[in-house]
Amino acid sequence: MSDQYVYILRCADDTLYTGYTTDPERRLAEHNAGQGAKYTRGRTPVELVYLECHGSRSTAMSREYELKQLRRAEKRRLIDGEVGADDEIGPDDGTARSVDSVLGDDSTNTHE
């Protein structure tokens, strides 16, 4: 089965959006073209700031739900890399990937 991704976007109004996809690059383009989730349509451009890779759809969708339950401050900690393996909000199986490792080094799509 192909990789399944959970991601967090930062919208133009500085809100955060969490979603699921099999192709982060395509999904980012869809969001920025106004073809993504209804929430992001009026909040473009969006920037991919966090990404996790999972081996199954069910695992990725469960993790998406977990991330959506987090408070903004907890999501910021994930985005900023301030969570460790022991932290209960962090990924527990080494699934977090840098945005650069999936999308390349295009700074318009990455968190610095």
C-alpha atoms as a PDB file:
ATOM      1  CA  MET A   1       0.000   0.000   0.000  1.00  0.00           C
ATOM      2  CA  SER A   2       1.226   3.538  -0.700  1.00  0.00           C
ATOM      3  CA  ASP A   3       2.179   6.002   1.997  1.00  0.00           C
ATOM      4  CA  GLN A   4      -0.617   7.836   3.778  1.00  0.00           C
ATOM      5  CA  TYR A   5       0.051  11.317   5.133  1.00  0.00           C
ATOM      6  CA  VAL A   6      -1.369  13.528   7.857  1.00  0.00           C
ATOM      7  CA  TYR A   7      -0.482  17.180   7.483  1.00  0.00           C
ATOM      8  CA  ILE A   8      -0.935  20.587   9.063  1.00  0.00           C
ATOM      9  CA  LEU A   9      -1.256  23.732   6.973  1.00  0.00           C
ATOM     10  CA  ARG A  10      -0.804  27.307   8.106  1.00  0.00           C
ATOM     11  CA  CYS A  11      -3.402  29.458   6.378  1.00  0.00           C
ATOM     12  CA  ALA A  12      -2.968  33.084   5.307  1.00  0.00           C
ATOM     13  CA  ASP A  13      -4.974  34.218   8.359  1.00  0.00           C
ATOM     14  CA  ASP A  14      -2.515  32.288  10.601  1.00  0.00           C
ATOM     15  CA  THR A  15      -5.036  29.565  11.465  1.00  0.00           C
ATOM     16  CA  LEU A  16      -4.051  25.896  11.273  1.00  0.00           C
ATOM     17  CA  TYR A  17      -5.778  23.201   9.219  1.00  0.00           C
ATOM     18  CA  THR A  18      -5.174  19.454   9.666  1.00  0.00           C
ATOM     19  CA  GLY A  19      -5.874  16.959   6.903  1.00  0.00           C
ATOM     20  CA  TYR A  20      -5.082  13.571   5.360  1.00  0.00           C
ATOM     21  CA  THR A  21      -3.801  12.705   1.876  1.00  0.00           C
ATOM     22  CA  THR A  22      -1.868  10.159  -0.161  1.00  0.00           C
ATOM     23  CA  ASP A  23      -0.034  12.890  -2.098  1.00  0.00           C
ATOM     24  CA  PRO A  24       1.042  15.953  -0.068  1.00  0.00           C
ATOM     25  CA  GLU A  25       2.362  17.893  -3.063  1.00  0.00           C
ATOM     26  CA  ARG A  26      -0.877  17.497  -5.034  1.00  0.00           C
ATOM     27  CA  ARG A  27      -3.031  18.253  -2.002  1.00  0.00           C
ATOM     28  CA  LEU A  28      -1.101  21.438  -1.208  1.00  0.00           C
ATOM     29  CA  ALA A  29      -1.606  22.596  -4.793  1.00  0.00           C
ATOM     30  CA  GLU A  30      -5.336  21.825  -4.536  1.00  0.00           C
ATOM     31  CA  HIS A  31      -5.660  23.853  -1.345  1.00  0.00           C
ATOM     32  CA  ASN A  32      -3.822  26.814  -2.888  1.00  0.00           C
ATOM     33  CA  ALA A  33      -5.950  26.616  -6.041  1.00  0.00           C
ATOM     34  CA  GLY A  34      -9.124  26.877  -3.948  1.00  0.00           C
ATOM     35  CA  GLN A  35     -10.034  23.234  -4.653  1.00  0.00           C
ATOM     36  CA  GLY A  36      -9.181  21.863  -1.222  1.00  0.00           C
ATOM     37  CA  ALA A  37     -11.268  21.787   1.917  1.00  0.00           C
ATOM     38  CA  LYS A  38     -13.983  24.384   2.297  1.00  0.00           C
ATOM     39  CA  TYR A  39     -12.163  25.745   5.359  1.00  0.00           C
ATOM     40  CA  THR A  40      -9.038  26.663   3.386  1.00  0.00           C
ATOM     41  CA  ARG A  41     -10.742  28.121   0.304  1.00  0.00           C
ATOM     42  CA  GLY A  42     -10.974  31.646   1.694  1.00  0.00           C
ATOM     43  CA  ARG A  43      -7.671  31.396   3.547  1.00  0.00           C
ATOM     44  CA  THR A  44      -5.130  31.000   0.754  1.00  0.00           C
ATOM     45  CA  PRO A  45      -2.263  30.881   0.291  1.00  0.00           C
ATOM     46  CA  VAL A  46      -1.613  27.997   2.641  1.00  0.00           C
ATOM     47  CA  GLU A  47       1.773  26.638   3.689  1.00  0.00           C
ATOM     48  CA  LEU A  48       2.559  23.034   4.589  1.00  0.00           C
ATOM     49  CA  VAL A  49       4.192  23.195   8.024  1.00  0.00           C
ATOM     50  CA  TYR A  50       3.955  19.639   9.392  1.00  0.00           C
ATOM     51  CA  LEU A  51       3.799  16.165   7.884  1.00  0.00           C
ATOM     52  CA  GLU A  52       3.611  12.588   9.174  1.00  0.00           C
ATOM     53  CA  CYS A  53       3.759   9.442   7.062  1.00  0.00           C
ATOM     54  CA  HIS A  54       1.782   6.311   7.955  1.00  0.00           C
ATOM     55  CA  GLY A  55       1.660   2.860   6.423  1.00  0.00           C
ATOM     56  CA  SER A  56      -2.109   2.456   6.429  1.00  0.00           C
ATOM     57  CA  ARG A  57      -5.106   4.629   5.800  1.00  0.00           C
ATOM     58  CA  SER A  58      -6.727   3.699   9.112  1.00  0.00           C
ATOM     59  CA  THR A  59      -3.623   4.653  11.090  1.00  0.00           C
ATOM     60  CA  ALA A  60      -3.301   7.963   9.242  1.00  0.00           C
ATOM     61  CA  MET A  61      -6.960   8.817   9.697  1.00  0.00           C
ATOM     62  CA  SER A  62      -6.813   7.957  13.398  1.00  0.00           C
ATOM     63  CA  ARG A  63      -3.799  10.217  13.768  1.00  0.00           C
ATOM     64  CA  GLU A  64      -5.573  12.978  11.832  1.00  0.00           C
ATOM     65  CA  TYR A  65      -8.407  12.779  14.369  1.00  0.00           C
ATOM     66  CA  GLU A  66      -5.904  12.946  17.260  1.00  0.00           C
ATOM     67  CA  LEU A  67      -4.233  16.031  15.794  1.00  0.00           C
ATOM     68  CA  LYS A  68      -7.570  17.738  15.213  1.00  0.00           C
ATOM     69  CA  GLN A  69      -8.319  17.321  18.934  1.00  0.00           C
ATOM     70  CA  LEU A  70      -5.143  19.143  19.986  1.00  0.00           C
ATOM     71  CA  ARG A  71      -5.178  22.737  21.127  1.00  0.00           C
ATOM     72  CA  ARG A  72      -3.419  25.259  18.906  1.00  0.00           C
ATOM     73  CA  ALA A  73      -0.487  25.501  21.328  1.00  0.00           C
ATOM     74  CA  GLU A  74       0.037  21.729  21.134  1.00  0.00           C
ATOM     75  CA  LYS A  75      -0.034  21.834  17.337  1.00  0.00           C
ATOM     76  CA  ARG A  76       2.541  24.648  17.436  1.00  0.00           C
ATOM     77  CA  ARG A  77       4.806  22.411  19.542  1.00  0.00           C
ATOM     78  CA  LEU A  78       4.552  19.675  16.908  1.00  0.00           C
ATOM     79  CA  ILE A  79       5.239  22.126  14.091  1.00  0.00           C
ATOM     80  CA  ASP A  80       8.204  23.632  15.915  1.00  0.00           C
ATOM     81  CA  GLY A  81       9.661  20.192  16.693  1.00  0.00           C
ATOM     82  CA  GLU A  82       9.340  20.700  20.441  1.00  0.00           C
ATOM     83  CA  VAL A  83       7.918  17.266  21.204  1.00  0.00           C
ATOM     84  CA  GLY A  84       9.944  14.213  22.045  1.00  0.00           C
ATOM     85  CA  ALA A  85       9.208  10.533  21.594  1.00  0.00           C
ATOM     86  CA  ASP A  86       7.929  10.403  25.186  1.00  0.00           C
ATOM     87  CA  ASP A  87       5.506  13.291  24.657  1.00  0.00           C
ATOM     88  CA  GLU A  88       1.943  12.034  24.323  1.00  0.00           C
ATOM     89  CA  ILE A  89       1.099  14.452  21.478  1.00  0.00           C
ATOM     90  CA  GLY A  90       4.089  13.450  19.371  1.00  0.00           C
ATOM     91  CA  PRO A  91       4.090  10.621  16.865  1.00  0.00           C
ATOM     92  CA  ASP A  92       4.944   7.406  18.680  1.00  0.00           C
ATOM     93  CA  ASP A  93       6.456   5.467  15.818  1.00  0.00           C
ATOM     94  CA  GLY A  94       8.902   7.773  14.049  1.00  0.00           C
ATOM     95  CA  THR A  95       6.403   8.798  11.382  1.00  0.00           C
ATOM     96  CA  ALA A  96       7.071  12.543  11.399  1.00  0.00           C
ATOM     97  CA  ARG A  97       8.946  13.656   8.298  1.00  0.00           C
ATOM     98  CA  SER A  98      10.352  17.006   7.443  1.00  0.00           C
ATOM     99  CA  VAL A  99       8.348  18.822   4.839  1.00  0.00           C
ATOM    100  CA  ASP A 100      11.578  19.214   2.831  1.00  0.00           C
ATOM    101  CA  SER A 101      12.080  15.448   2.656  1.00  0.00           C
ATOM    102  CA  VAL A 102       8.737  15.011   0.897  1.00  0.00           C
ATOM    103  CA  LEU A 103       8.395  18.205  -1.141  1.00  0.00           C
ATOM    104  CA  GLY A 104      12.038  19.019  -1.776  1.00  0.00           C
ATOM    105  CA  ASP A 105      13.644  22.283  -0.731  1.00  0.00           C
ATOM    106  CA  ASP A 106      11.214  24.767  -2.320  1.00  0.00           C
ATOM    107  CA  SER A 107      10.994  27.378   0.420  1.00  0.00           C
ATOM    108  CA  THR A 108       7.537  28.529  -0.686  1.00  0.00           C
ATOM    109  CA  ASN A 109       6.095  25.244   0.576  1.00  0.00           C
ATOM    110  CA  THR A 110       8.064  24.710   3.752  1.00  0.00           C
ATOM    111  CA  HIS A 111       8.220  25.833   7.339  1.00  0.00           C
ATOM    112  CA  GLU A 112      11.474  27.451   8.347  1.00  0.00           C
END
